[in-house]
PDB file of N, CA and C in Angstrom:
ATOM      1  N   MET A   1      27.480  13.829  85.238  1.00  0.00           N
ATOM      2  CA  MET A   1      28.705  13.813  84.357  1.00  0.00           C
ATOM      3  C   MET A   1      29.433  12.455  84.345  1.00  0.00           C
ATOM      4  N   ASN A   2      29.791  11.725  83.267  1.00  0.00           N
ATOM      5  CA  ASN A   2      30.407  10.481  83.188  1.00  0.00           C
ATOM      6  C   ASN A   2      31.861  10.906  83.151  1.00  0.00           C
ATOM      7  N   TYR A   3      32.587  10.617  84.193  1.00  0.00           N
ATOM      8  CA  TYR A   3      33.988  11.051  84.246  1.00  0.00           C
ATOM      9  C   TYR A   3      34.902  10.007  83.792  1.00  0.00           C
ATOM     10  N   ARG A   4      34.305   8.829  83.698  1.00  0.00           N
ATOM     11  CA  ARG A   4      35.219   7.541  83.389  1.00  0.00           C
ATOM     12  C   ARG A   4      36.066   7.742  82.213  1.00  0.00           C
ATOM     13  N   LYS A   5      35.736   8.512  81.081  1.00  0.00           N
ATOM     14  CA  LYS A   5      36.549   8.493  79.993  1.00  0.00           C
ATOM     15  C   LYS A   5      37.628   9.570  80.151  1.00  0.00           C
ATOM     16  N   ILE A   6      37.518  10.372  81.242  1.00  0.00           N
ATOM     17  CA  ILE A   6      38.536  11.503  81.435  1.00  0.00           C
ATOM     18  C   ILE A   6      39.536  11.136  82.566  1.00  0.00           C
ATOM     19  N   ILE A   7      38.829  10.660  83.598  1.00  0.00           N
ATOM     20  CA  ILE A   7      39.856  10.046  84.729  1.00  0.00           C
ATOM     21  C   ILE A   7      40.397   8.859  84.556  1.00  0.00           C
ATOM     22  N   THR A   8      41.647   8.733  84.489  1.00  0.00           N
ATOM     23  CA  THR A   8      42.318   7.426  84.358  1.00  0.00           C
ATOM     24  C   THR A   8      43.195   7.064  85.396  1.00  0.00           C
ATOM     25  N   ILE A   9      43.261   5.586  85.732  1.00  0.00           N
ATOM     26  CA  ILE A   9      44.156   5.264  86.808  1.00  0.00           C
ATOM     27  C   ILE A   9      45.084   4.242  86.175  1.00  0.00           C
ATOM     28  N   ASP A  10      46.545   4.553  86.352  1.00  0.00           N
ATOM     29  CA  ASP A  10      47.527   3.624  85.806  1.00  0.00           C
ATOM     30  C   ASP A  10      48.355   3.320  86.896  1.00  0.00           C
ATOM     31  N   SER A  11      48.745   2.213  87.169  1.00  0.00           N
ATOM     32  CA  SER A  11      49.662   1.787  88.346  1.00  0.00           C
ATOM     33  C   SER A  11      51.086   2.400  88.074  1.00  0.00           C
ATOM     34  N   GLY A  12      51.611   2.633  86.942  1.00  0.00           N
ATOM     35  CA  GLY A  12      52.662   3.213  86.374  1.00  0.00           C
ATOM     36  C   GLY A  12      52.703   4.695  86.328  1.00  0.00           C
ATOM     37  N   LYS A  13      51.809   5.392  86.519  1.00  0.00           N
ATOM     38  CA  LYS A  13      51.886   6.840  86.531  1.00  0.00           C
ATOM     39  C   LYS A  13      51.420   7.673  87.842  1.00  0.00           C
ATOM     40  N   ARG A  14      52.150   8.288  88.337  1.00  0.00           N
ATOM     41  CA  ARG A  14      51.820   9.094  89.785  1.00  0.00           C
ATOM     42  C   ARG A  14      51.246   8.097  90.665  1.00  0.00           C
ATOM     43  N   SER A  15      52.017   6.864  90.823  1.00  0.00           N
ATOM     44  CA  SER A  15      51.662   5.934  91.883  1.00  0.00           C
ATOM     45  C   SER A  15      50.416   5.384  91.916  1.00  0.00           C
ATOM     46  N   GLY A  16      49.886   5.519  90.839  1.00  0.00           N
ATOM     47  CA  GLY A  16      48.365   4.937  90.559  1.00  0.00           C
ATOM     48  C   GLY A  16      47.428   5.600  90.868  1.00  0.00           C
ATOM     49  N   LYS A  17      47.553   7.166  91.275  1.00  0.00           N
ATOM     50  CA  LYS A  17      46.572   8.100  91.475  1.00  0.00           C
ATOM     51  C   LYS A  17      45.833   8.433  90.186  1.00  0.00           C
ATOM     52  N   PRO A  18      44.695   8.781  90.629  1.00  0.00           N
ATOM     53  CA  PRO A  18      43.630   9.116  89.484  1.00  0.00           C
ATOM     54  C   PRO A  18      44.070  10.598  88.847  1.00  0.00           C
ATOM     55  N   CYS A  19      44.278  10.187  87.444  1.00  0.00           N
ATOM     56  CA  CYS A  19      44.798  11.284  86.803  1.00  0.00           C
ATOM     57  C   CYS A  19      43.990  11.818  85.536  1.00  0.00           C
ATOM     58  N   ILE A  20      44.283  12.870  84.808  1.00  0.00           N
ATOM     59  CA  ILE A  20      43.230  13.452  84.077  1.00  0.00           C
ATOM     60  C   ILE A  20      43.656  12.998  82.518  1.00  0.00           C
ATOM     61  N   ARG A  21      42.992  12.163  81.698  1.00  0.00           N
ATOM     62  CA  ARG A  21      43.226  11.827  80.558  1.00  0.00           C
ATOM     63  C   ARG A  21      44.626  11.100  80.147  1.00  0.00           C
ATOM     64  N   GLY A  22      45.033  10.395  81.251  1.00  0.00           N
ATOM     65  CA  GLY A  22      46.489   9.737  80.994  1.00  0.00           C
ATOM     66  C   GLY A  22      47.910  10.719  81.262  1.00  0.00           C
ATOM     67  N   THR A  23      47.491  12.068  81.575  1.00  0.00           N
ATOM     68  CA  THR A  23      48.438  12.961  81.915  1.00  0.00           C
ATOM     69  C   THR A  23      48.884  12.765  83.287  1.00  0.00           C
ATOM     70  N   ARG A  24      50.052  13.510  83.630  1.00  0.00           N
ATOM     71  CA  ARG A  24      50.442  13.454  85.058  1.00  0.00           C
ATOM     72  C   ARG A  24      49.701  14.244  86.088  1.00  0.00           C
ATOM     73  N   MET A  25      48.704  15.094  85.550  1.00  0.00           N
ATOM     74  CA  MET A  25      47.880  15.853  86.418  1.00  0.00           C
ATOM     75  C   MET A  25      47.019  15.077  87.097  1.00  0.00           C
ATOM     76  N   THR A  26      46.933  15.026  88.548  1.00  0.00           N
ATOM     77  CA  THR A  26      46.039  14.462  89.176  1.00  0.00           C
ATOM     78  C   THR A  26      44.690  15.000  89.492  1.00  0.00           C
ATOM     79  N   VAL A  27      43.602  14.096  89.763  1.00  0.00           N
ATOM     80  CA  VAL A  27      42.472  14.791  90.355  1.00  0.00           C
ATOM     81  C   VAL A  27      42.718  15.806  91.765  1.00  0.00           C
ATOM     82  N   THR A  28      43.662  15.207  92.478  1.00  0.00           N
ATOM     83  CA  THR A  28      43.911  15.812  93.883  1.00  0.00           C
ATOM     84  C   THR A  28      44.471  17.191  93.309  1.00  0.00           C
ATOM     85  N   ASP A  29      45.536  17.221  92.357  1.00  0.00           N
ATOM     86  CA  ASP A  29      46.282  18.567  92.113  1.00  0.00           C
ATOM     87  C   ASP A  29      45.007  19.420  91.696  1.00  0.00           C
ATOM     88  N   VAL A  30      44.115  19.256  90.812  1.00  0.00           N
ATOM     89  CA  VAL A  30      42.976  20.040  90.449  1.00  0.00           C
ATOM     90  C   VAL A  30      42.064  20.502  91.832  1.00  0.00           C
ATOM     91  N   LEU A  31      41.876  19.532  92.653  1.00  0.00           N
ATOM     92  CA  LEU A  31      40.921  19.951  93.788  1.00  0.00           C
ATOM     93  C   LEU A  31      41.903  20.781  94.637  1.00  0.00           C
ATOM     94  N   GLU A  32      42.942  20.570  94.995  1.00  0.00           N
ATOM     95  CA  GLU A  32      43.831  21.317  95.801  1.00  0.00           C
ATOM     96  C   GLU A  32      43.737  22.766  95.088  1.00  0.00           C
ATOM     97  N   TYR A  33      43.994  23.042  93.915  1.00  0.00           N
ATOM     98  CA  TYR A  33      44.233  24.295  93.300  1.00  0.00           C
ATOM     99  C   TYR A  33      42.949  25.111  93.660  1.00  0.00           C
ATOM    100  N   LEU A  34      41.736  24.273  93.351  1.00  0.00           N
ATOM    101  CA  LEU A  34      40.346  24.963  93.570  1.00  0.00           C
ATOM    102  C   LEU A  34      40.154  25.211  95.008  1.00  0.00           C
ATOM    103  N   ALA A  35      40.681  24.338  95.787  1.00  0.00           N
ATOM    104  CA  ALA A  35      40.330  24.551  97.304  1.00  0.00           C
ATOM    105  C   ALA A  35      41.362  25.726  97.829  1.00  0.00           C
ATOM    106  N   GLY A  36      42.441  25.946  97.178  1.00  0.00           N
ATOM    107  CA  GLY A  36      43.155  27.073  97.623  1.00  0.00           C
ATOM    108  C   GLY A  36      42.784  28.250  97.231  1.00  0.00           C
ATOM    109  N   GLY A  37      41.662  28.468  96.320  1.00  0.00           N
ATOM    110  CA  GLY A  37      41.216  29.770  95.970  1.00  0.00           C
ATOM    111  C   GLY A  37      41.342  29.966  94.608  1.00  0.00           C
ATOM    112  N   MET A  38      41.857  29.058  93.658  1.00  0.00           N
ATOM    113  CA  MET A  38      41.970  29.274  92.174  1.00  0.00           C
ATOM    114  C   MET A  38      40.844  29.088  91.452  1.00  0.00           C
ATOM    115  N   THR A  39      40.521  30.059  90.778  1.00  0.00           N
ATOM    116  CA  THR A  39      39.095  29.829  89.908  1.00  0.00           C
ATOM    117  C   THR A  39      39.447  28.899  88.677  1.00  0.00           C
ATOM    118  N   GLN A  40      38.182  28.390  88.328  1.00  0.00           N
ATOM    119  CA  GLN A  40      38.261  27.741  86.947  1.00  0.00           C
ATOM    120  C   GLN A  40      39.001  28.314  85.969  1.00  0.00           C
ATOM    121  N   PRO A  41      38.641  29.568  85.743  1.00  0.00           N
ATOM    122  CA  PRO A  41      39.322  30.293  84.651  1.00  0.00           C
ATOM    123  C   PRO A  41      40.902  30.377  84.840  1.00  0.00           C
ATOM    124  N   GLU A  42      41.401  30.659  85.893  1.00  0.00           N
ATOM    125  CA  GLU A  42      42.754  30.879  86.332  1.00  0.00           C
ATOM    126  C   GLU A  42      43.483  29.486  86.082  1.00  0.00           C
ATOM    127  N   LEU A  43      42.687  28.489  86.674  1.00  0.00           N
ATOM    128  CA  LEU A  43      43.296  26.940  86.355  1.00  0.00           C
ATOM    129  C   LEU A  43      43.412  26.775  84.840  1.00  0.00           C
ATOM    130  N   LEU A  44      42.566  27.122  84.152  1.00  0.00           N
ATOM    131  CA  LEU A  44      42.661  26.913  82.502  1.00  0.00           C
ATOM    132  C   LEU A  44      43.551  27.724  82.034  1.00  0.00           C
ATOM    133  N   VAL A  45      43.855  28.970  82.396  1.00  0.00           N
ATOM    134  CA  VAL A  45      45.050  29.717  82.005  1.00  0.00           C
ATOM    135  C   VAL A  45      46.350  29.123  82.400  1.00  0.00           C
ATOM    136  N   ALA A  46      46.579  28.707  83.609  1.00  0.00           N
ATOM    137  CA  ALA A  46      47.686  28.032  84.285  1.00  0.00           C
ATOM    138  C   ALA A  46      48.109  26.924  83.641  1.00  0.00           C
ATOM    139  N   PHE A  47      47.097  25.987  83.283  1.00  0.00           N
ATOM    140  CA  PHE A  47      47.226  24.678  82.555  1.00  0.00           C
ATOM    141  C   PHE A  47      46.465  24.598  81.215  1.00  0.00           C
ATOM    142  N   PRO A  48      47.217  25.134  80.378  1.00  0.00           N
ATOM    143  CA  PRO A  48      46.374  25.219  78.936  1.00  0.00           C
ATOM    144  C   PRO A  48      45.796  23.786  78.396  1.00  0.00           C
ATOM    145  N   ASP A  49      46.431  22.947  78.941  1.00  0.00           N
ATOM    146  CA  ASP A  49      46.073  21.319  78.507  1.00  0.00           C
ATOM    147  C   ASP A  49      44.590  20.923  79.115  1.00  0.00           C
ATOM    148  N   LEU A  50      44.197  21.533  80.209  1.00  0.00           N
ATOM    149  CA  LEU A  50      43.041  21.235  80.899  1.00  0.00           C
ATOM    150  C   LEU A  50      41.746  21.873  80.293  1.00  0.00           C
ATOM    151  N   THR A  51      40.728  21.154  80.204  1.00  0.00           N
ATOM    152  CA  THR A  51      39.517  21.764  79.667  1.00  0.00           C
ATOM    153  C   THR A  51      38.438  21.905  80.895  1.00  0.00           C
ATOM    154  N   THR A  52      37.382  22.654  80.510  1.00  0.00           N
ATOM    155  CA  THR A  52      36.346  22.823  81.528  1.00  0.00           C
ATOM    156  C   THR A  52      35.829  21.359  81.880  1.00  0.00           C
ATOM    157  N   GLU A  53      36.029  20.553  80.852  1.00  0.00           N
ATOM    158  CA  GLU A  53      35.206  19.190  81.235  1.00  0.00           C
ATOM    159  C   GLU A  53      36.053  18.397  82.147  1.00  0.00           C
ATOM    160  N   ASP A  54      37.474  18.632  81.867  1.00  0.00           N
ATOM    161  CA  ASP A  54      38.370  17.951  82.794  1.00  0.00           C
ATOM    162  C   ASP A  54      38.087  18.095  84.265  1.00  0.00           C
ATOM    163  N   ILE A  55      38.077  19.371  84.464  1.00  0.00           N
ATOM    164  CA  ILE A  55      37.693  20.065  85.864  1.00  0.00           C
ATOM    165  C   ILE A  55      36.407  19.611  86.463  1.00  0.00           C
ATOM    166  N   LEU A  56      35.444  19.561  85.596  1.00  0.00           N
ATOM    167  CA  LEU A  56      34.055  18.985  86.107  1.00  0.00           C
ATOM    168  C   LEU A  56      34.332  17.639  86.240  1.00  0.00           C
ATOM    169  N   ALA A  57      34.994  16.823  85.539  1.00  0.00           N
ATOM    170  CA  ALA A  57      35.131  15.448  85.791  1.00  0.00           C
ATOM    171  C   ALA A  57      35.821  15.203  87.144  1.00  0.00           C
ATOM    172  N   CYS A  58      36.869  15.889  87.386  1.00  0.00           N
ATOM    173  CA  CYS A  58      37.640  15.676  88.760  1.00  0.00           C
ATOM    174  C   CYS A  58      36.525  15.822  90.017  1.00  0.00           C
ATOM    175  N   LEU A  59      35.764  16.910  89.826  1.00  0.00           N
ATOM    176  CA  LEU A  59      34.711  17.311  90.795  1.00  0.00           C
ATOM    177  C   LEU A  59      33.570  16.152  90.824  1.00  0.00           C
ATOM    178  N   ALA A  60      33.307  15.575  89.862  1.00  0.00           N
ATOM    179  CA  ALA A  60      32.301  14.401  89.727  1.00  0.00           C
ATOM    180  C   ALA A  60      32.964  13.306  90.214  1.00  0.00           C
ATOM    181  N   PHE A  61      34.239  12.975  89.926  1.00  0.00           N
ATOM    182  CA  PHE A  61      34.987  11.863  90.528  1.00  0.00           C
ATOM    183  C   PHE A  61      34.948  11.987  92.006  1.00  0.00           C
ATOM    184  N   ALA A  62      35.419  13.098  92.446  1.00  0.00           N
ATOM    185  CA  ALA A  62      35.569  13.304  94.129  1.00  0.00           C
ATOM    186  C   ALA A  62      34.142  13.239  94.780  1.00  0.00           C
ATOM    187  N   ALA A  63      32.940  13.752  94.174  1.00  0.00           N
ATOM    188  CA  ALA A  63      31.597  13.546  94.668  1.00  0.00           C
ATOM    189  C   ALA A  63      31.218  12.138  94.730  1.00  0.00           C
ATOM    190  N   ASP A  64      31.621  11.222  93.632  1.00  0.00           N
ATOM    191  CA  ASP A  64      31.323   9.834  93.570  1.00  0.00           C
ATOM    192  C   ASP A  64      32.058   9.026  94.688  1.00  0.00           C
ATOM    193  N   ARG A  65      33.345   9.440  94.664  1.00  0.00           N
ATOM    194  CA  ARG A  65      34.135   8.720  95.569  1.00  0.00           C
ATOM    195  C   ARG A  65      33.678   9.128  97.110  1.00  0.00           C
ATOM    196  N   GLU A  66      33.251  10.061  97.306  1.00  0.00           N
ATOM    197  CA  GLU A  66      32.872  10.796  98.765  1.00  0.00           C
ATOM    198  C   GLU A  66      31.463  10.186  98.977  1.00  0.00           C
ATOM    199  N   ARG A  67      30.767   9.980  98.050  1.00  0.00           N
ATOM    200  CA  ARG A  67      29.397   9.241  98.207  1.00  0.00           C
ATOM    201  C   ARG A  67      29.576   7.838  98.499  1.00  0.00           C
ATOM    202  N   LYS A  68      30.486   7.154  97.814  1.00  0.00           N
ATOM    203  CA  LYS A  68      30.700   5.808  98.198  1.00  0.00           C
ATOM    204  C   LYS A  68      31.477   5.644  99.554  1.00  0.00           C
ATOM    205  N   LEU A  69      32.179   6.430 100.036  1.00  0.00           N
ATOM    206  CA  LEU A  69      32.702   6.444 101.539  1.00  0.00           C
ATOM    207  C   LEU A  69      31.790   6.723 102.458  1.00  0.00           C
ATOM    208  N   ALA A  70      30.822   7.580 101.982  1.00  0.00           N
ATOM    209  CA  ALA A  70      29.809   7.874 103.094  1.00  0.00           C
ATOM    210  C   ALA A  70      28.836   6.628 103.326  1.00  0.00           C
ATOM    211  N   SER A  71      28.675   5.747 102.234  1.00  0.00           N
ATOM    212  CA  SER A  71      27.736   4.604 102.221  1.00  0.00           C
ATOM    213  C   SER A  71      28.384   3.457 102.895  1.00  0.00           C
ATOM    214  N   LEU A  72      29.519   3.372 103.250  1.00  0.00           N
ATOM    215  CA  LEU A  72      30.281   2.320 104.053  1.00  0.00           C
ATOM    216  C   LEU A  72      29.618   2.279 105.217  1.00  0.00           C
ATOM    217  N   PRO A  73      29.611   0.997 105.867  1.00  0.00           N
ATOM    218  CA  PRO A  73      29.169   0.929 107.441  1.00  0.00           C
ATOM    219  C   PRO A  73      30.156   1.517 108.247  1.00  0.00           C
ATOM    220  N   ASP A  74      29.587   2.059 109.183  1.00  0.00           N
ATOM    221  CA  ASP A  74      30.410   2.503 110.257  1.00  0.00           C
ATOM    222  C   ASP A  74      30.809   1.649 111.150  1.00  0.00           C
ATOM    223  N   GLU A  75      32.133   1.203 111.115  1.00  0.00           N
ATOM    224  CA  GLU A  75      32.655   0.169 111.849  1.00  0.00           C
ATOM    225  C   GLU A  75      32.627   0.551 113.362  1.00  0.00           C
ATOM    226  N   THR A  76      32.633   1.794 113.856  1.00  0.00           N
ATOM    227  CA  THR A  76      32.646   2.091 115.362  1.00  0.00           C
ATOM    228  C   THR A  76      31.275   1.897 115.865  1.00  0.00           C
ATOM    229  N   ALA A  77      30.120   1.565 114.978  1.00  0.00           N
ATOM    230  CA  ALA A  77      28.794   1.465 115.559  1.00  0.00           C
ATOM    231  C   ALA A  77      28.559  -0.292 115.763  1.00  0.00           C
ATOM    232  N   LEU A  78      29.758  -0.842 115.182  1.00  0.00           N
ATOM    233  CA  LEU A  78      29.656  -2.322 115.358  1.00  0.00           C
ATOM    234  C   LEU A  78      29.861  -2.778 116.710  1.00  0.00           C
TER     235      LEU A  78
END
């Protein structure tokens, strides 16, 4: 999934945190709701401006960020 058109970063909004389509809803907000046990359908009902594609973009963004962090050299091994 290409999340780059959905996840936006604006230094003047939510302190530069990654947000969904320029709204105030952050990727972290969505991930925390999902991690807390909220289902995707519940999230869509609770936040009618969200779409399934938005949620998938948040997951793709998080996976991409994790992949990048995992590929950084381990400084403790140096």
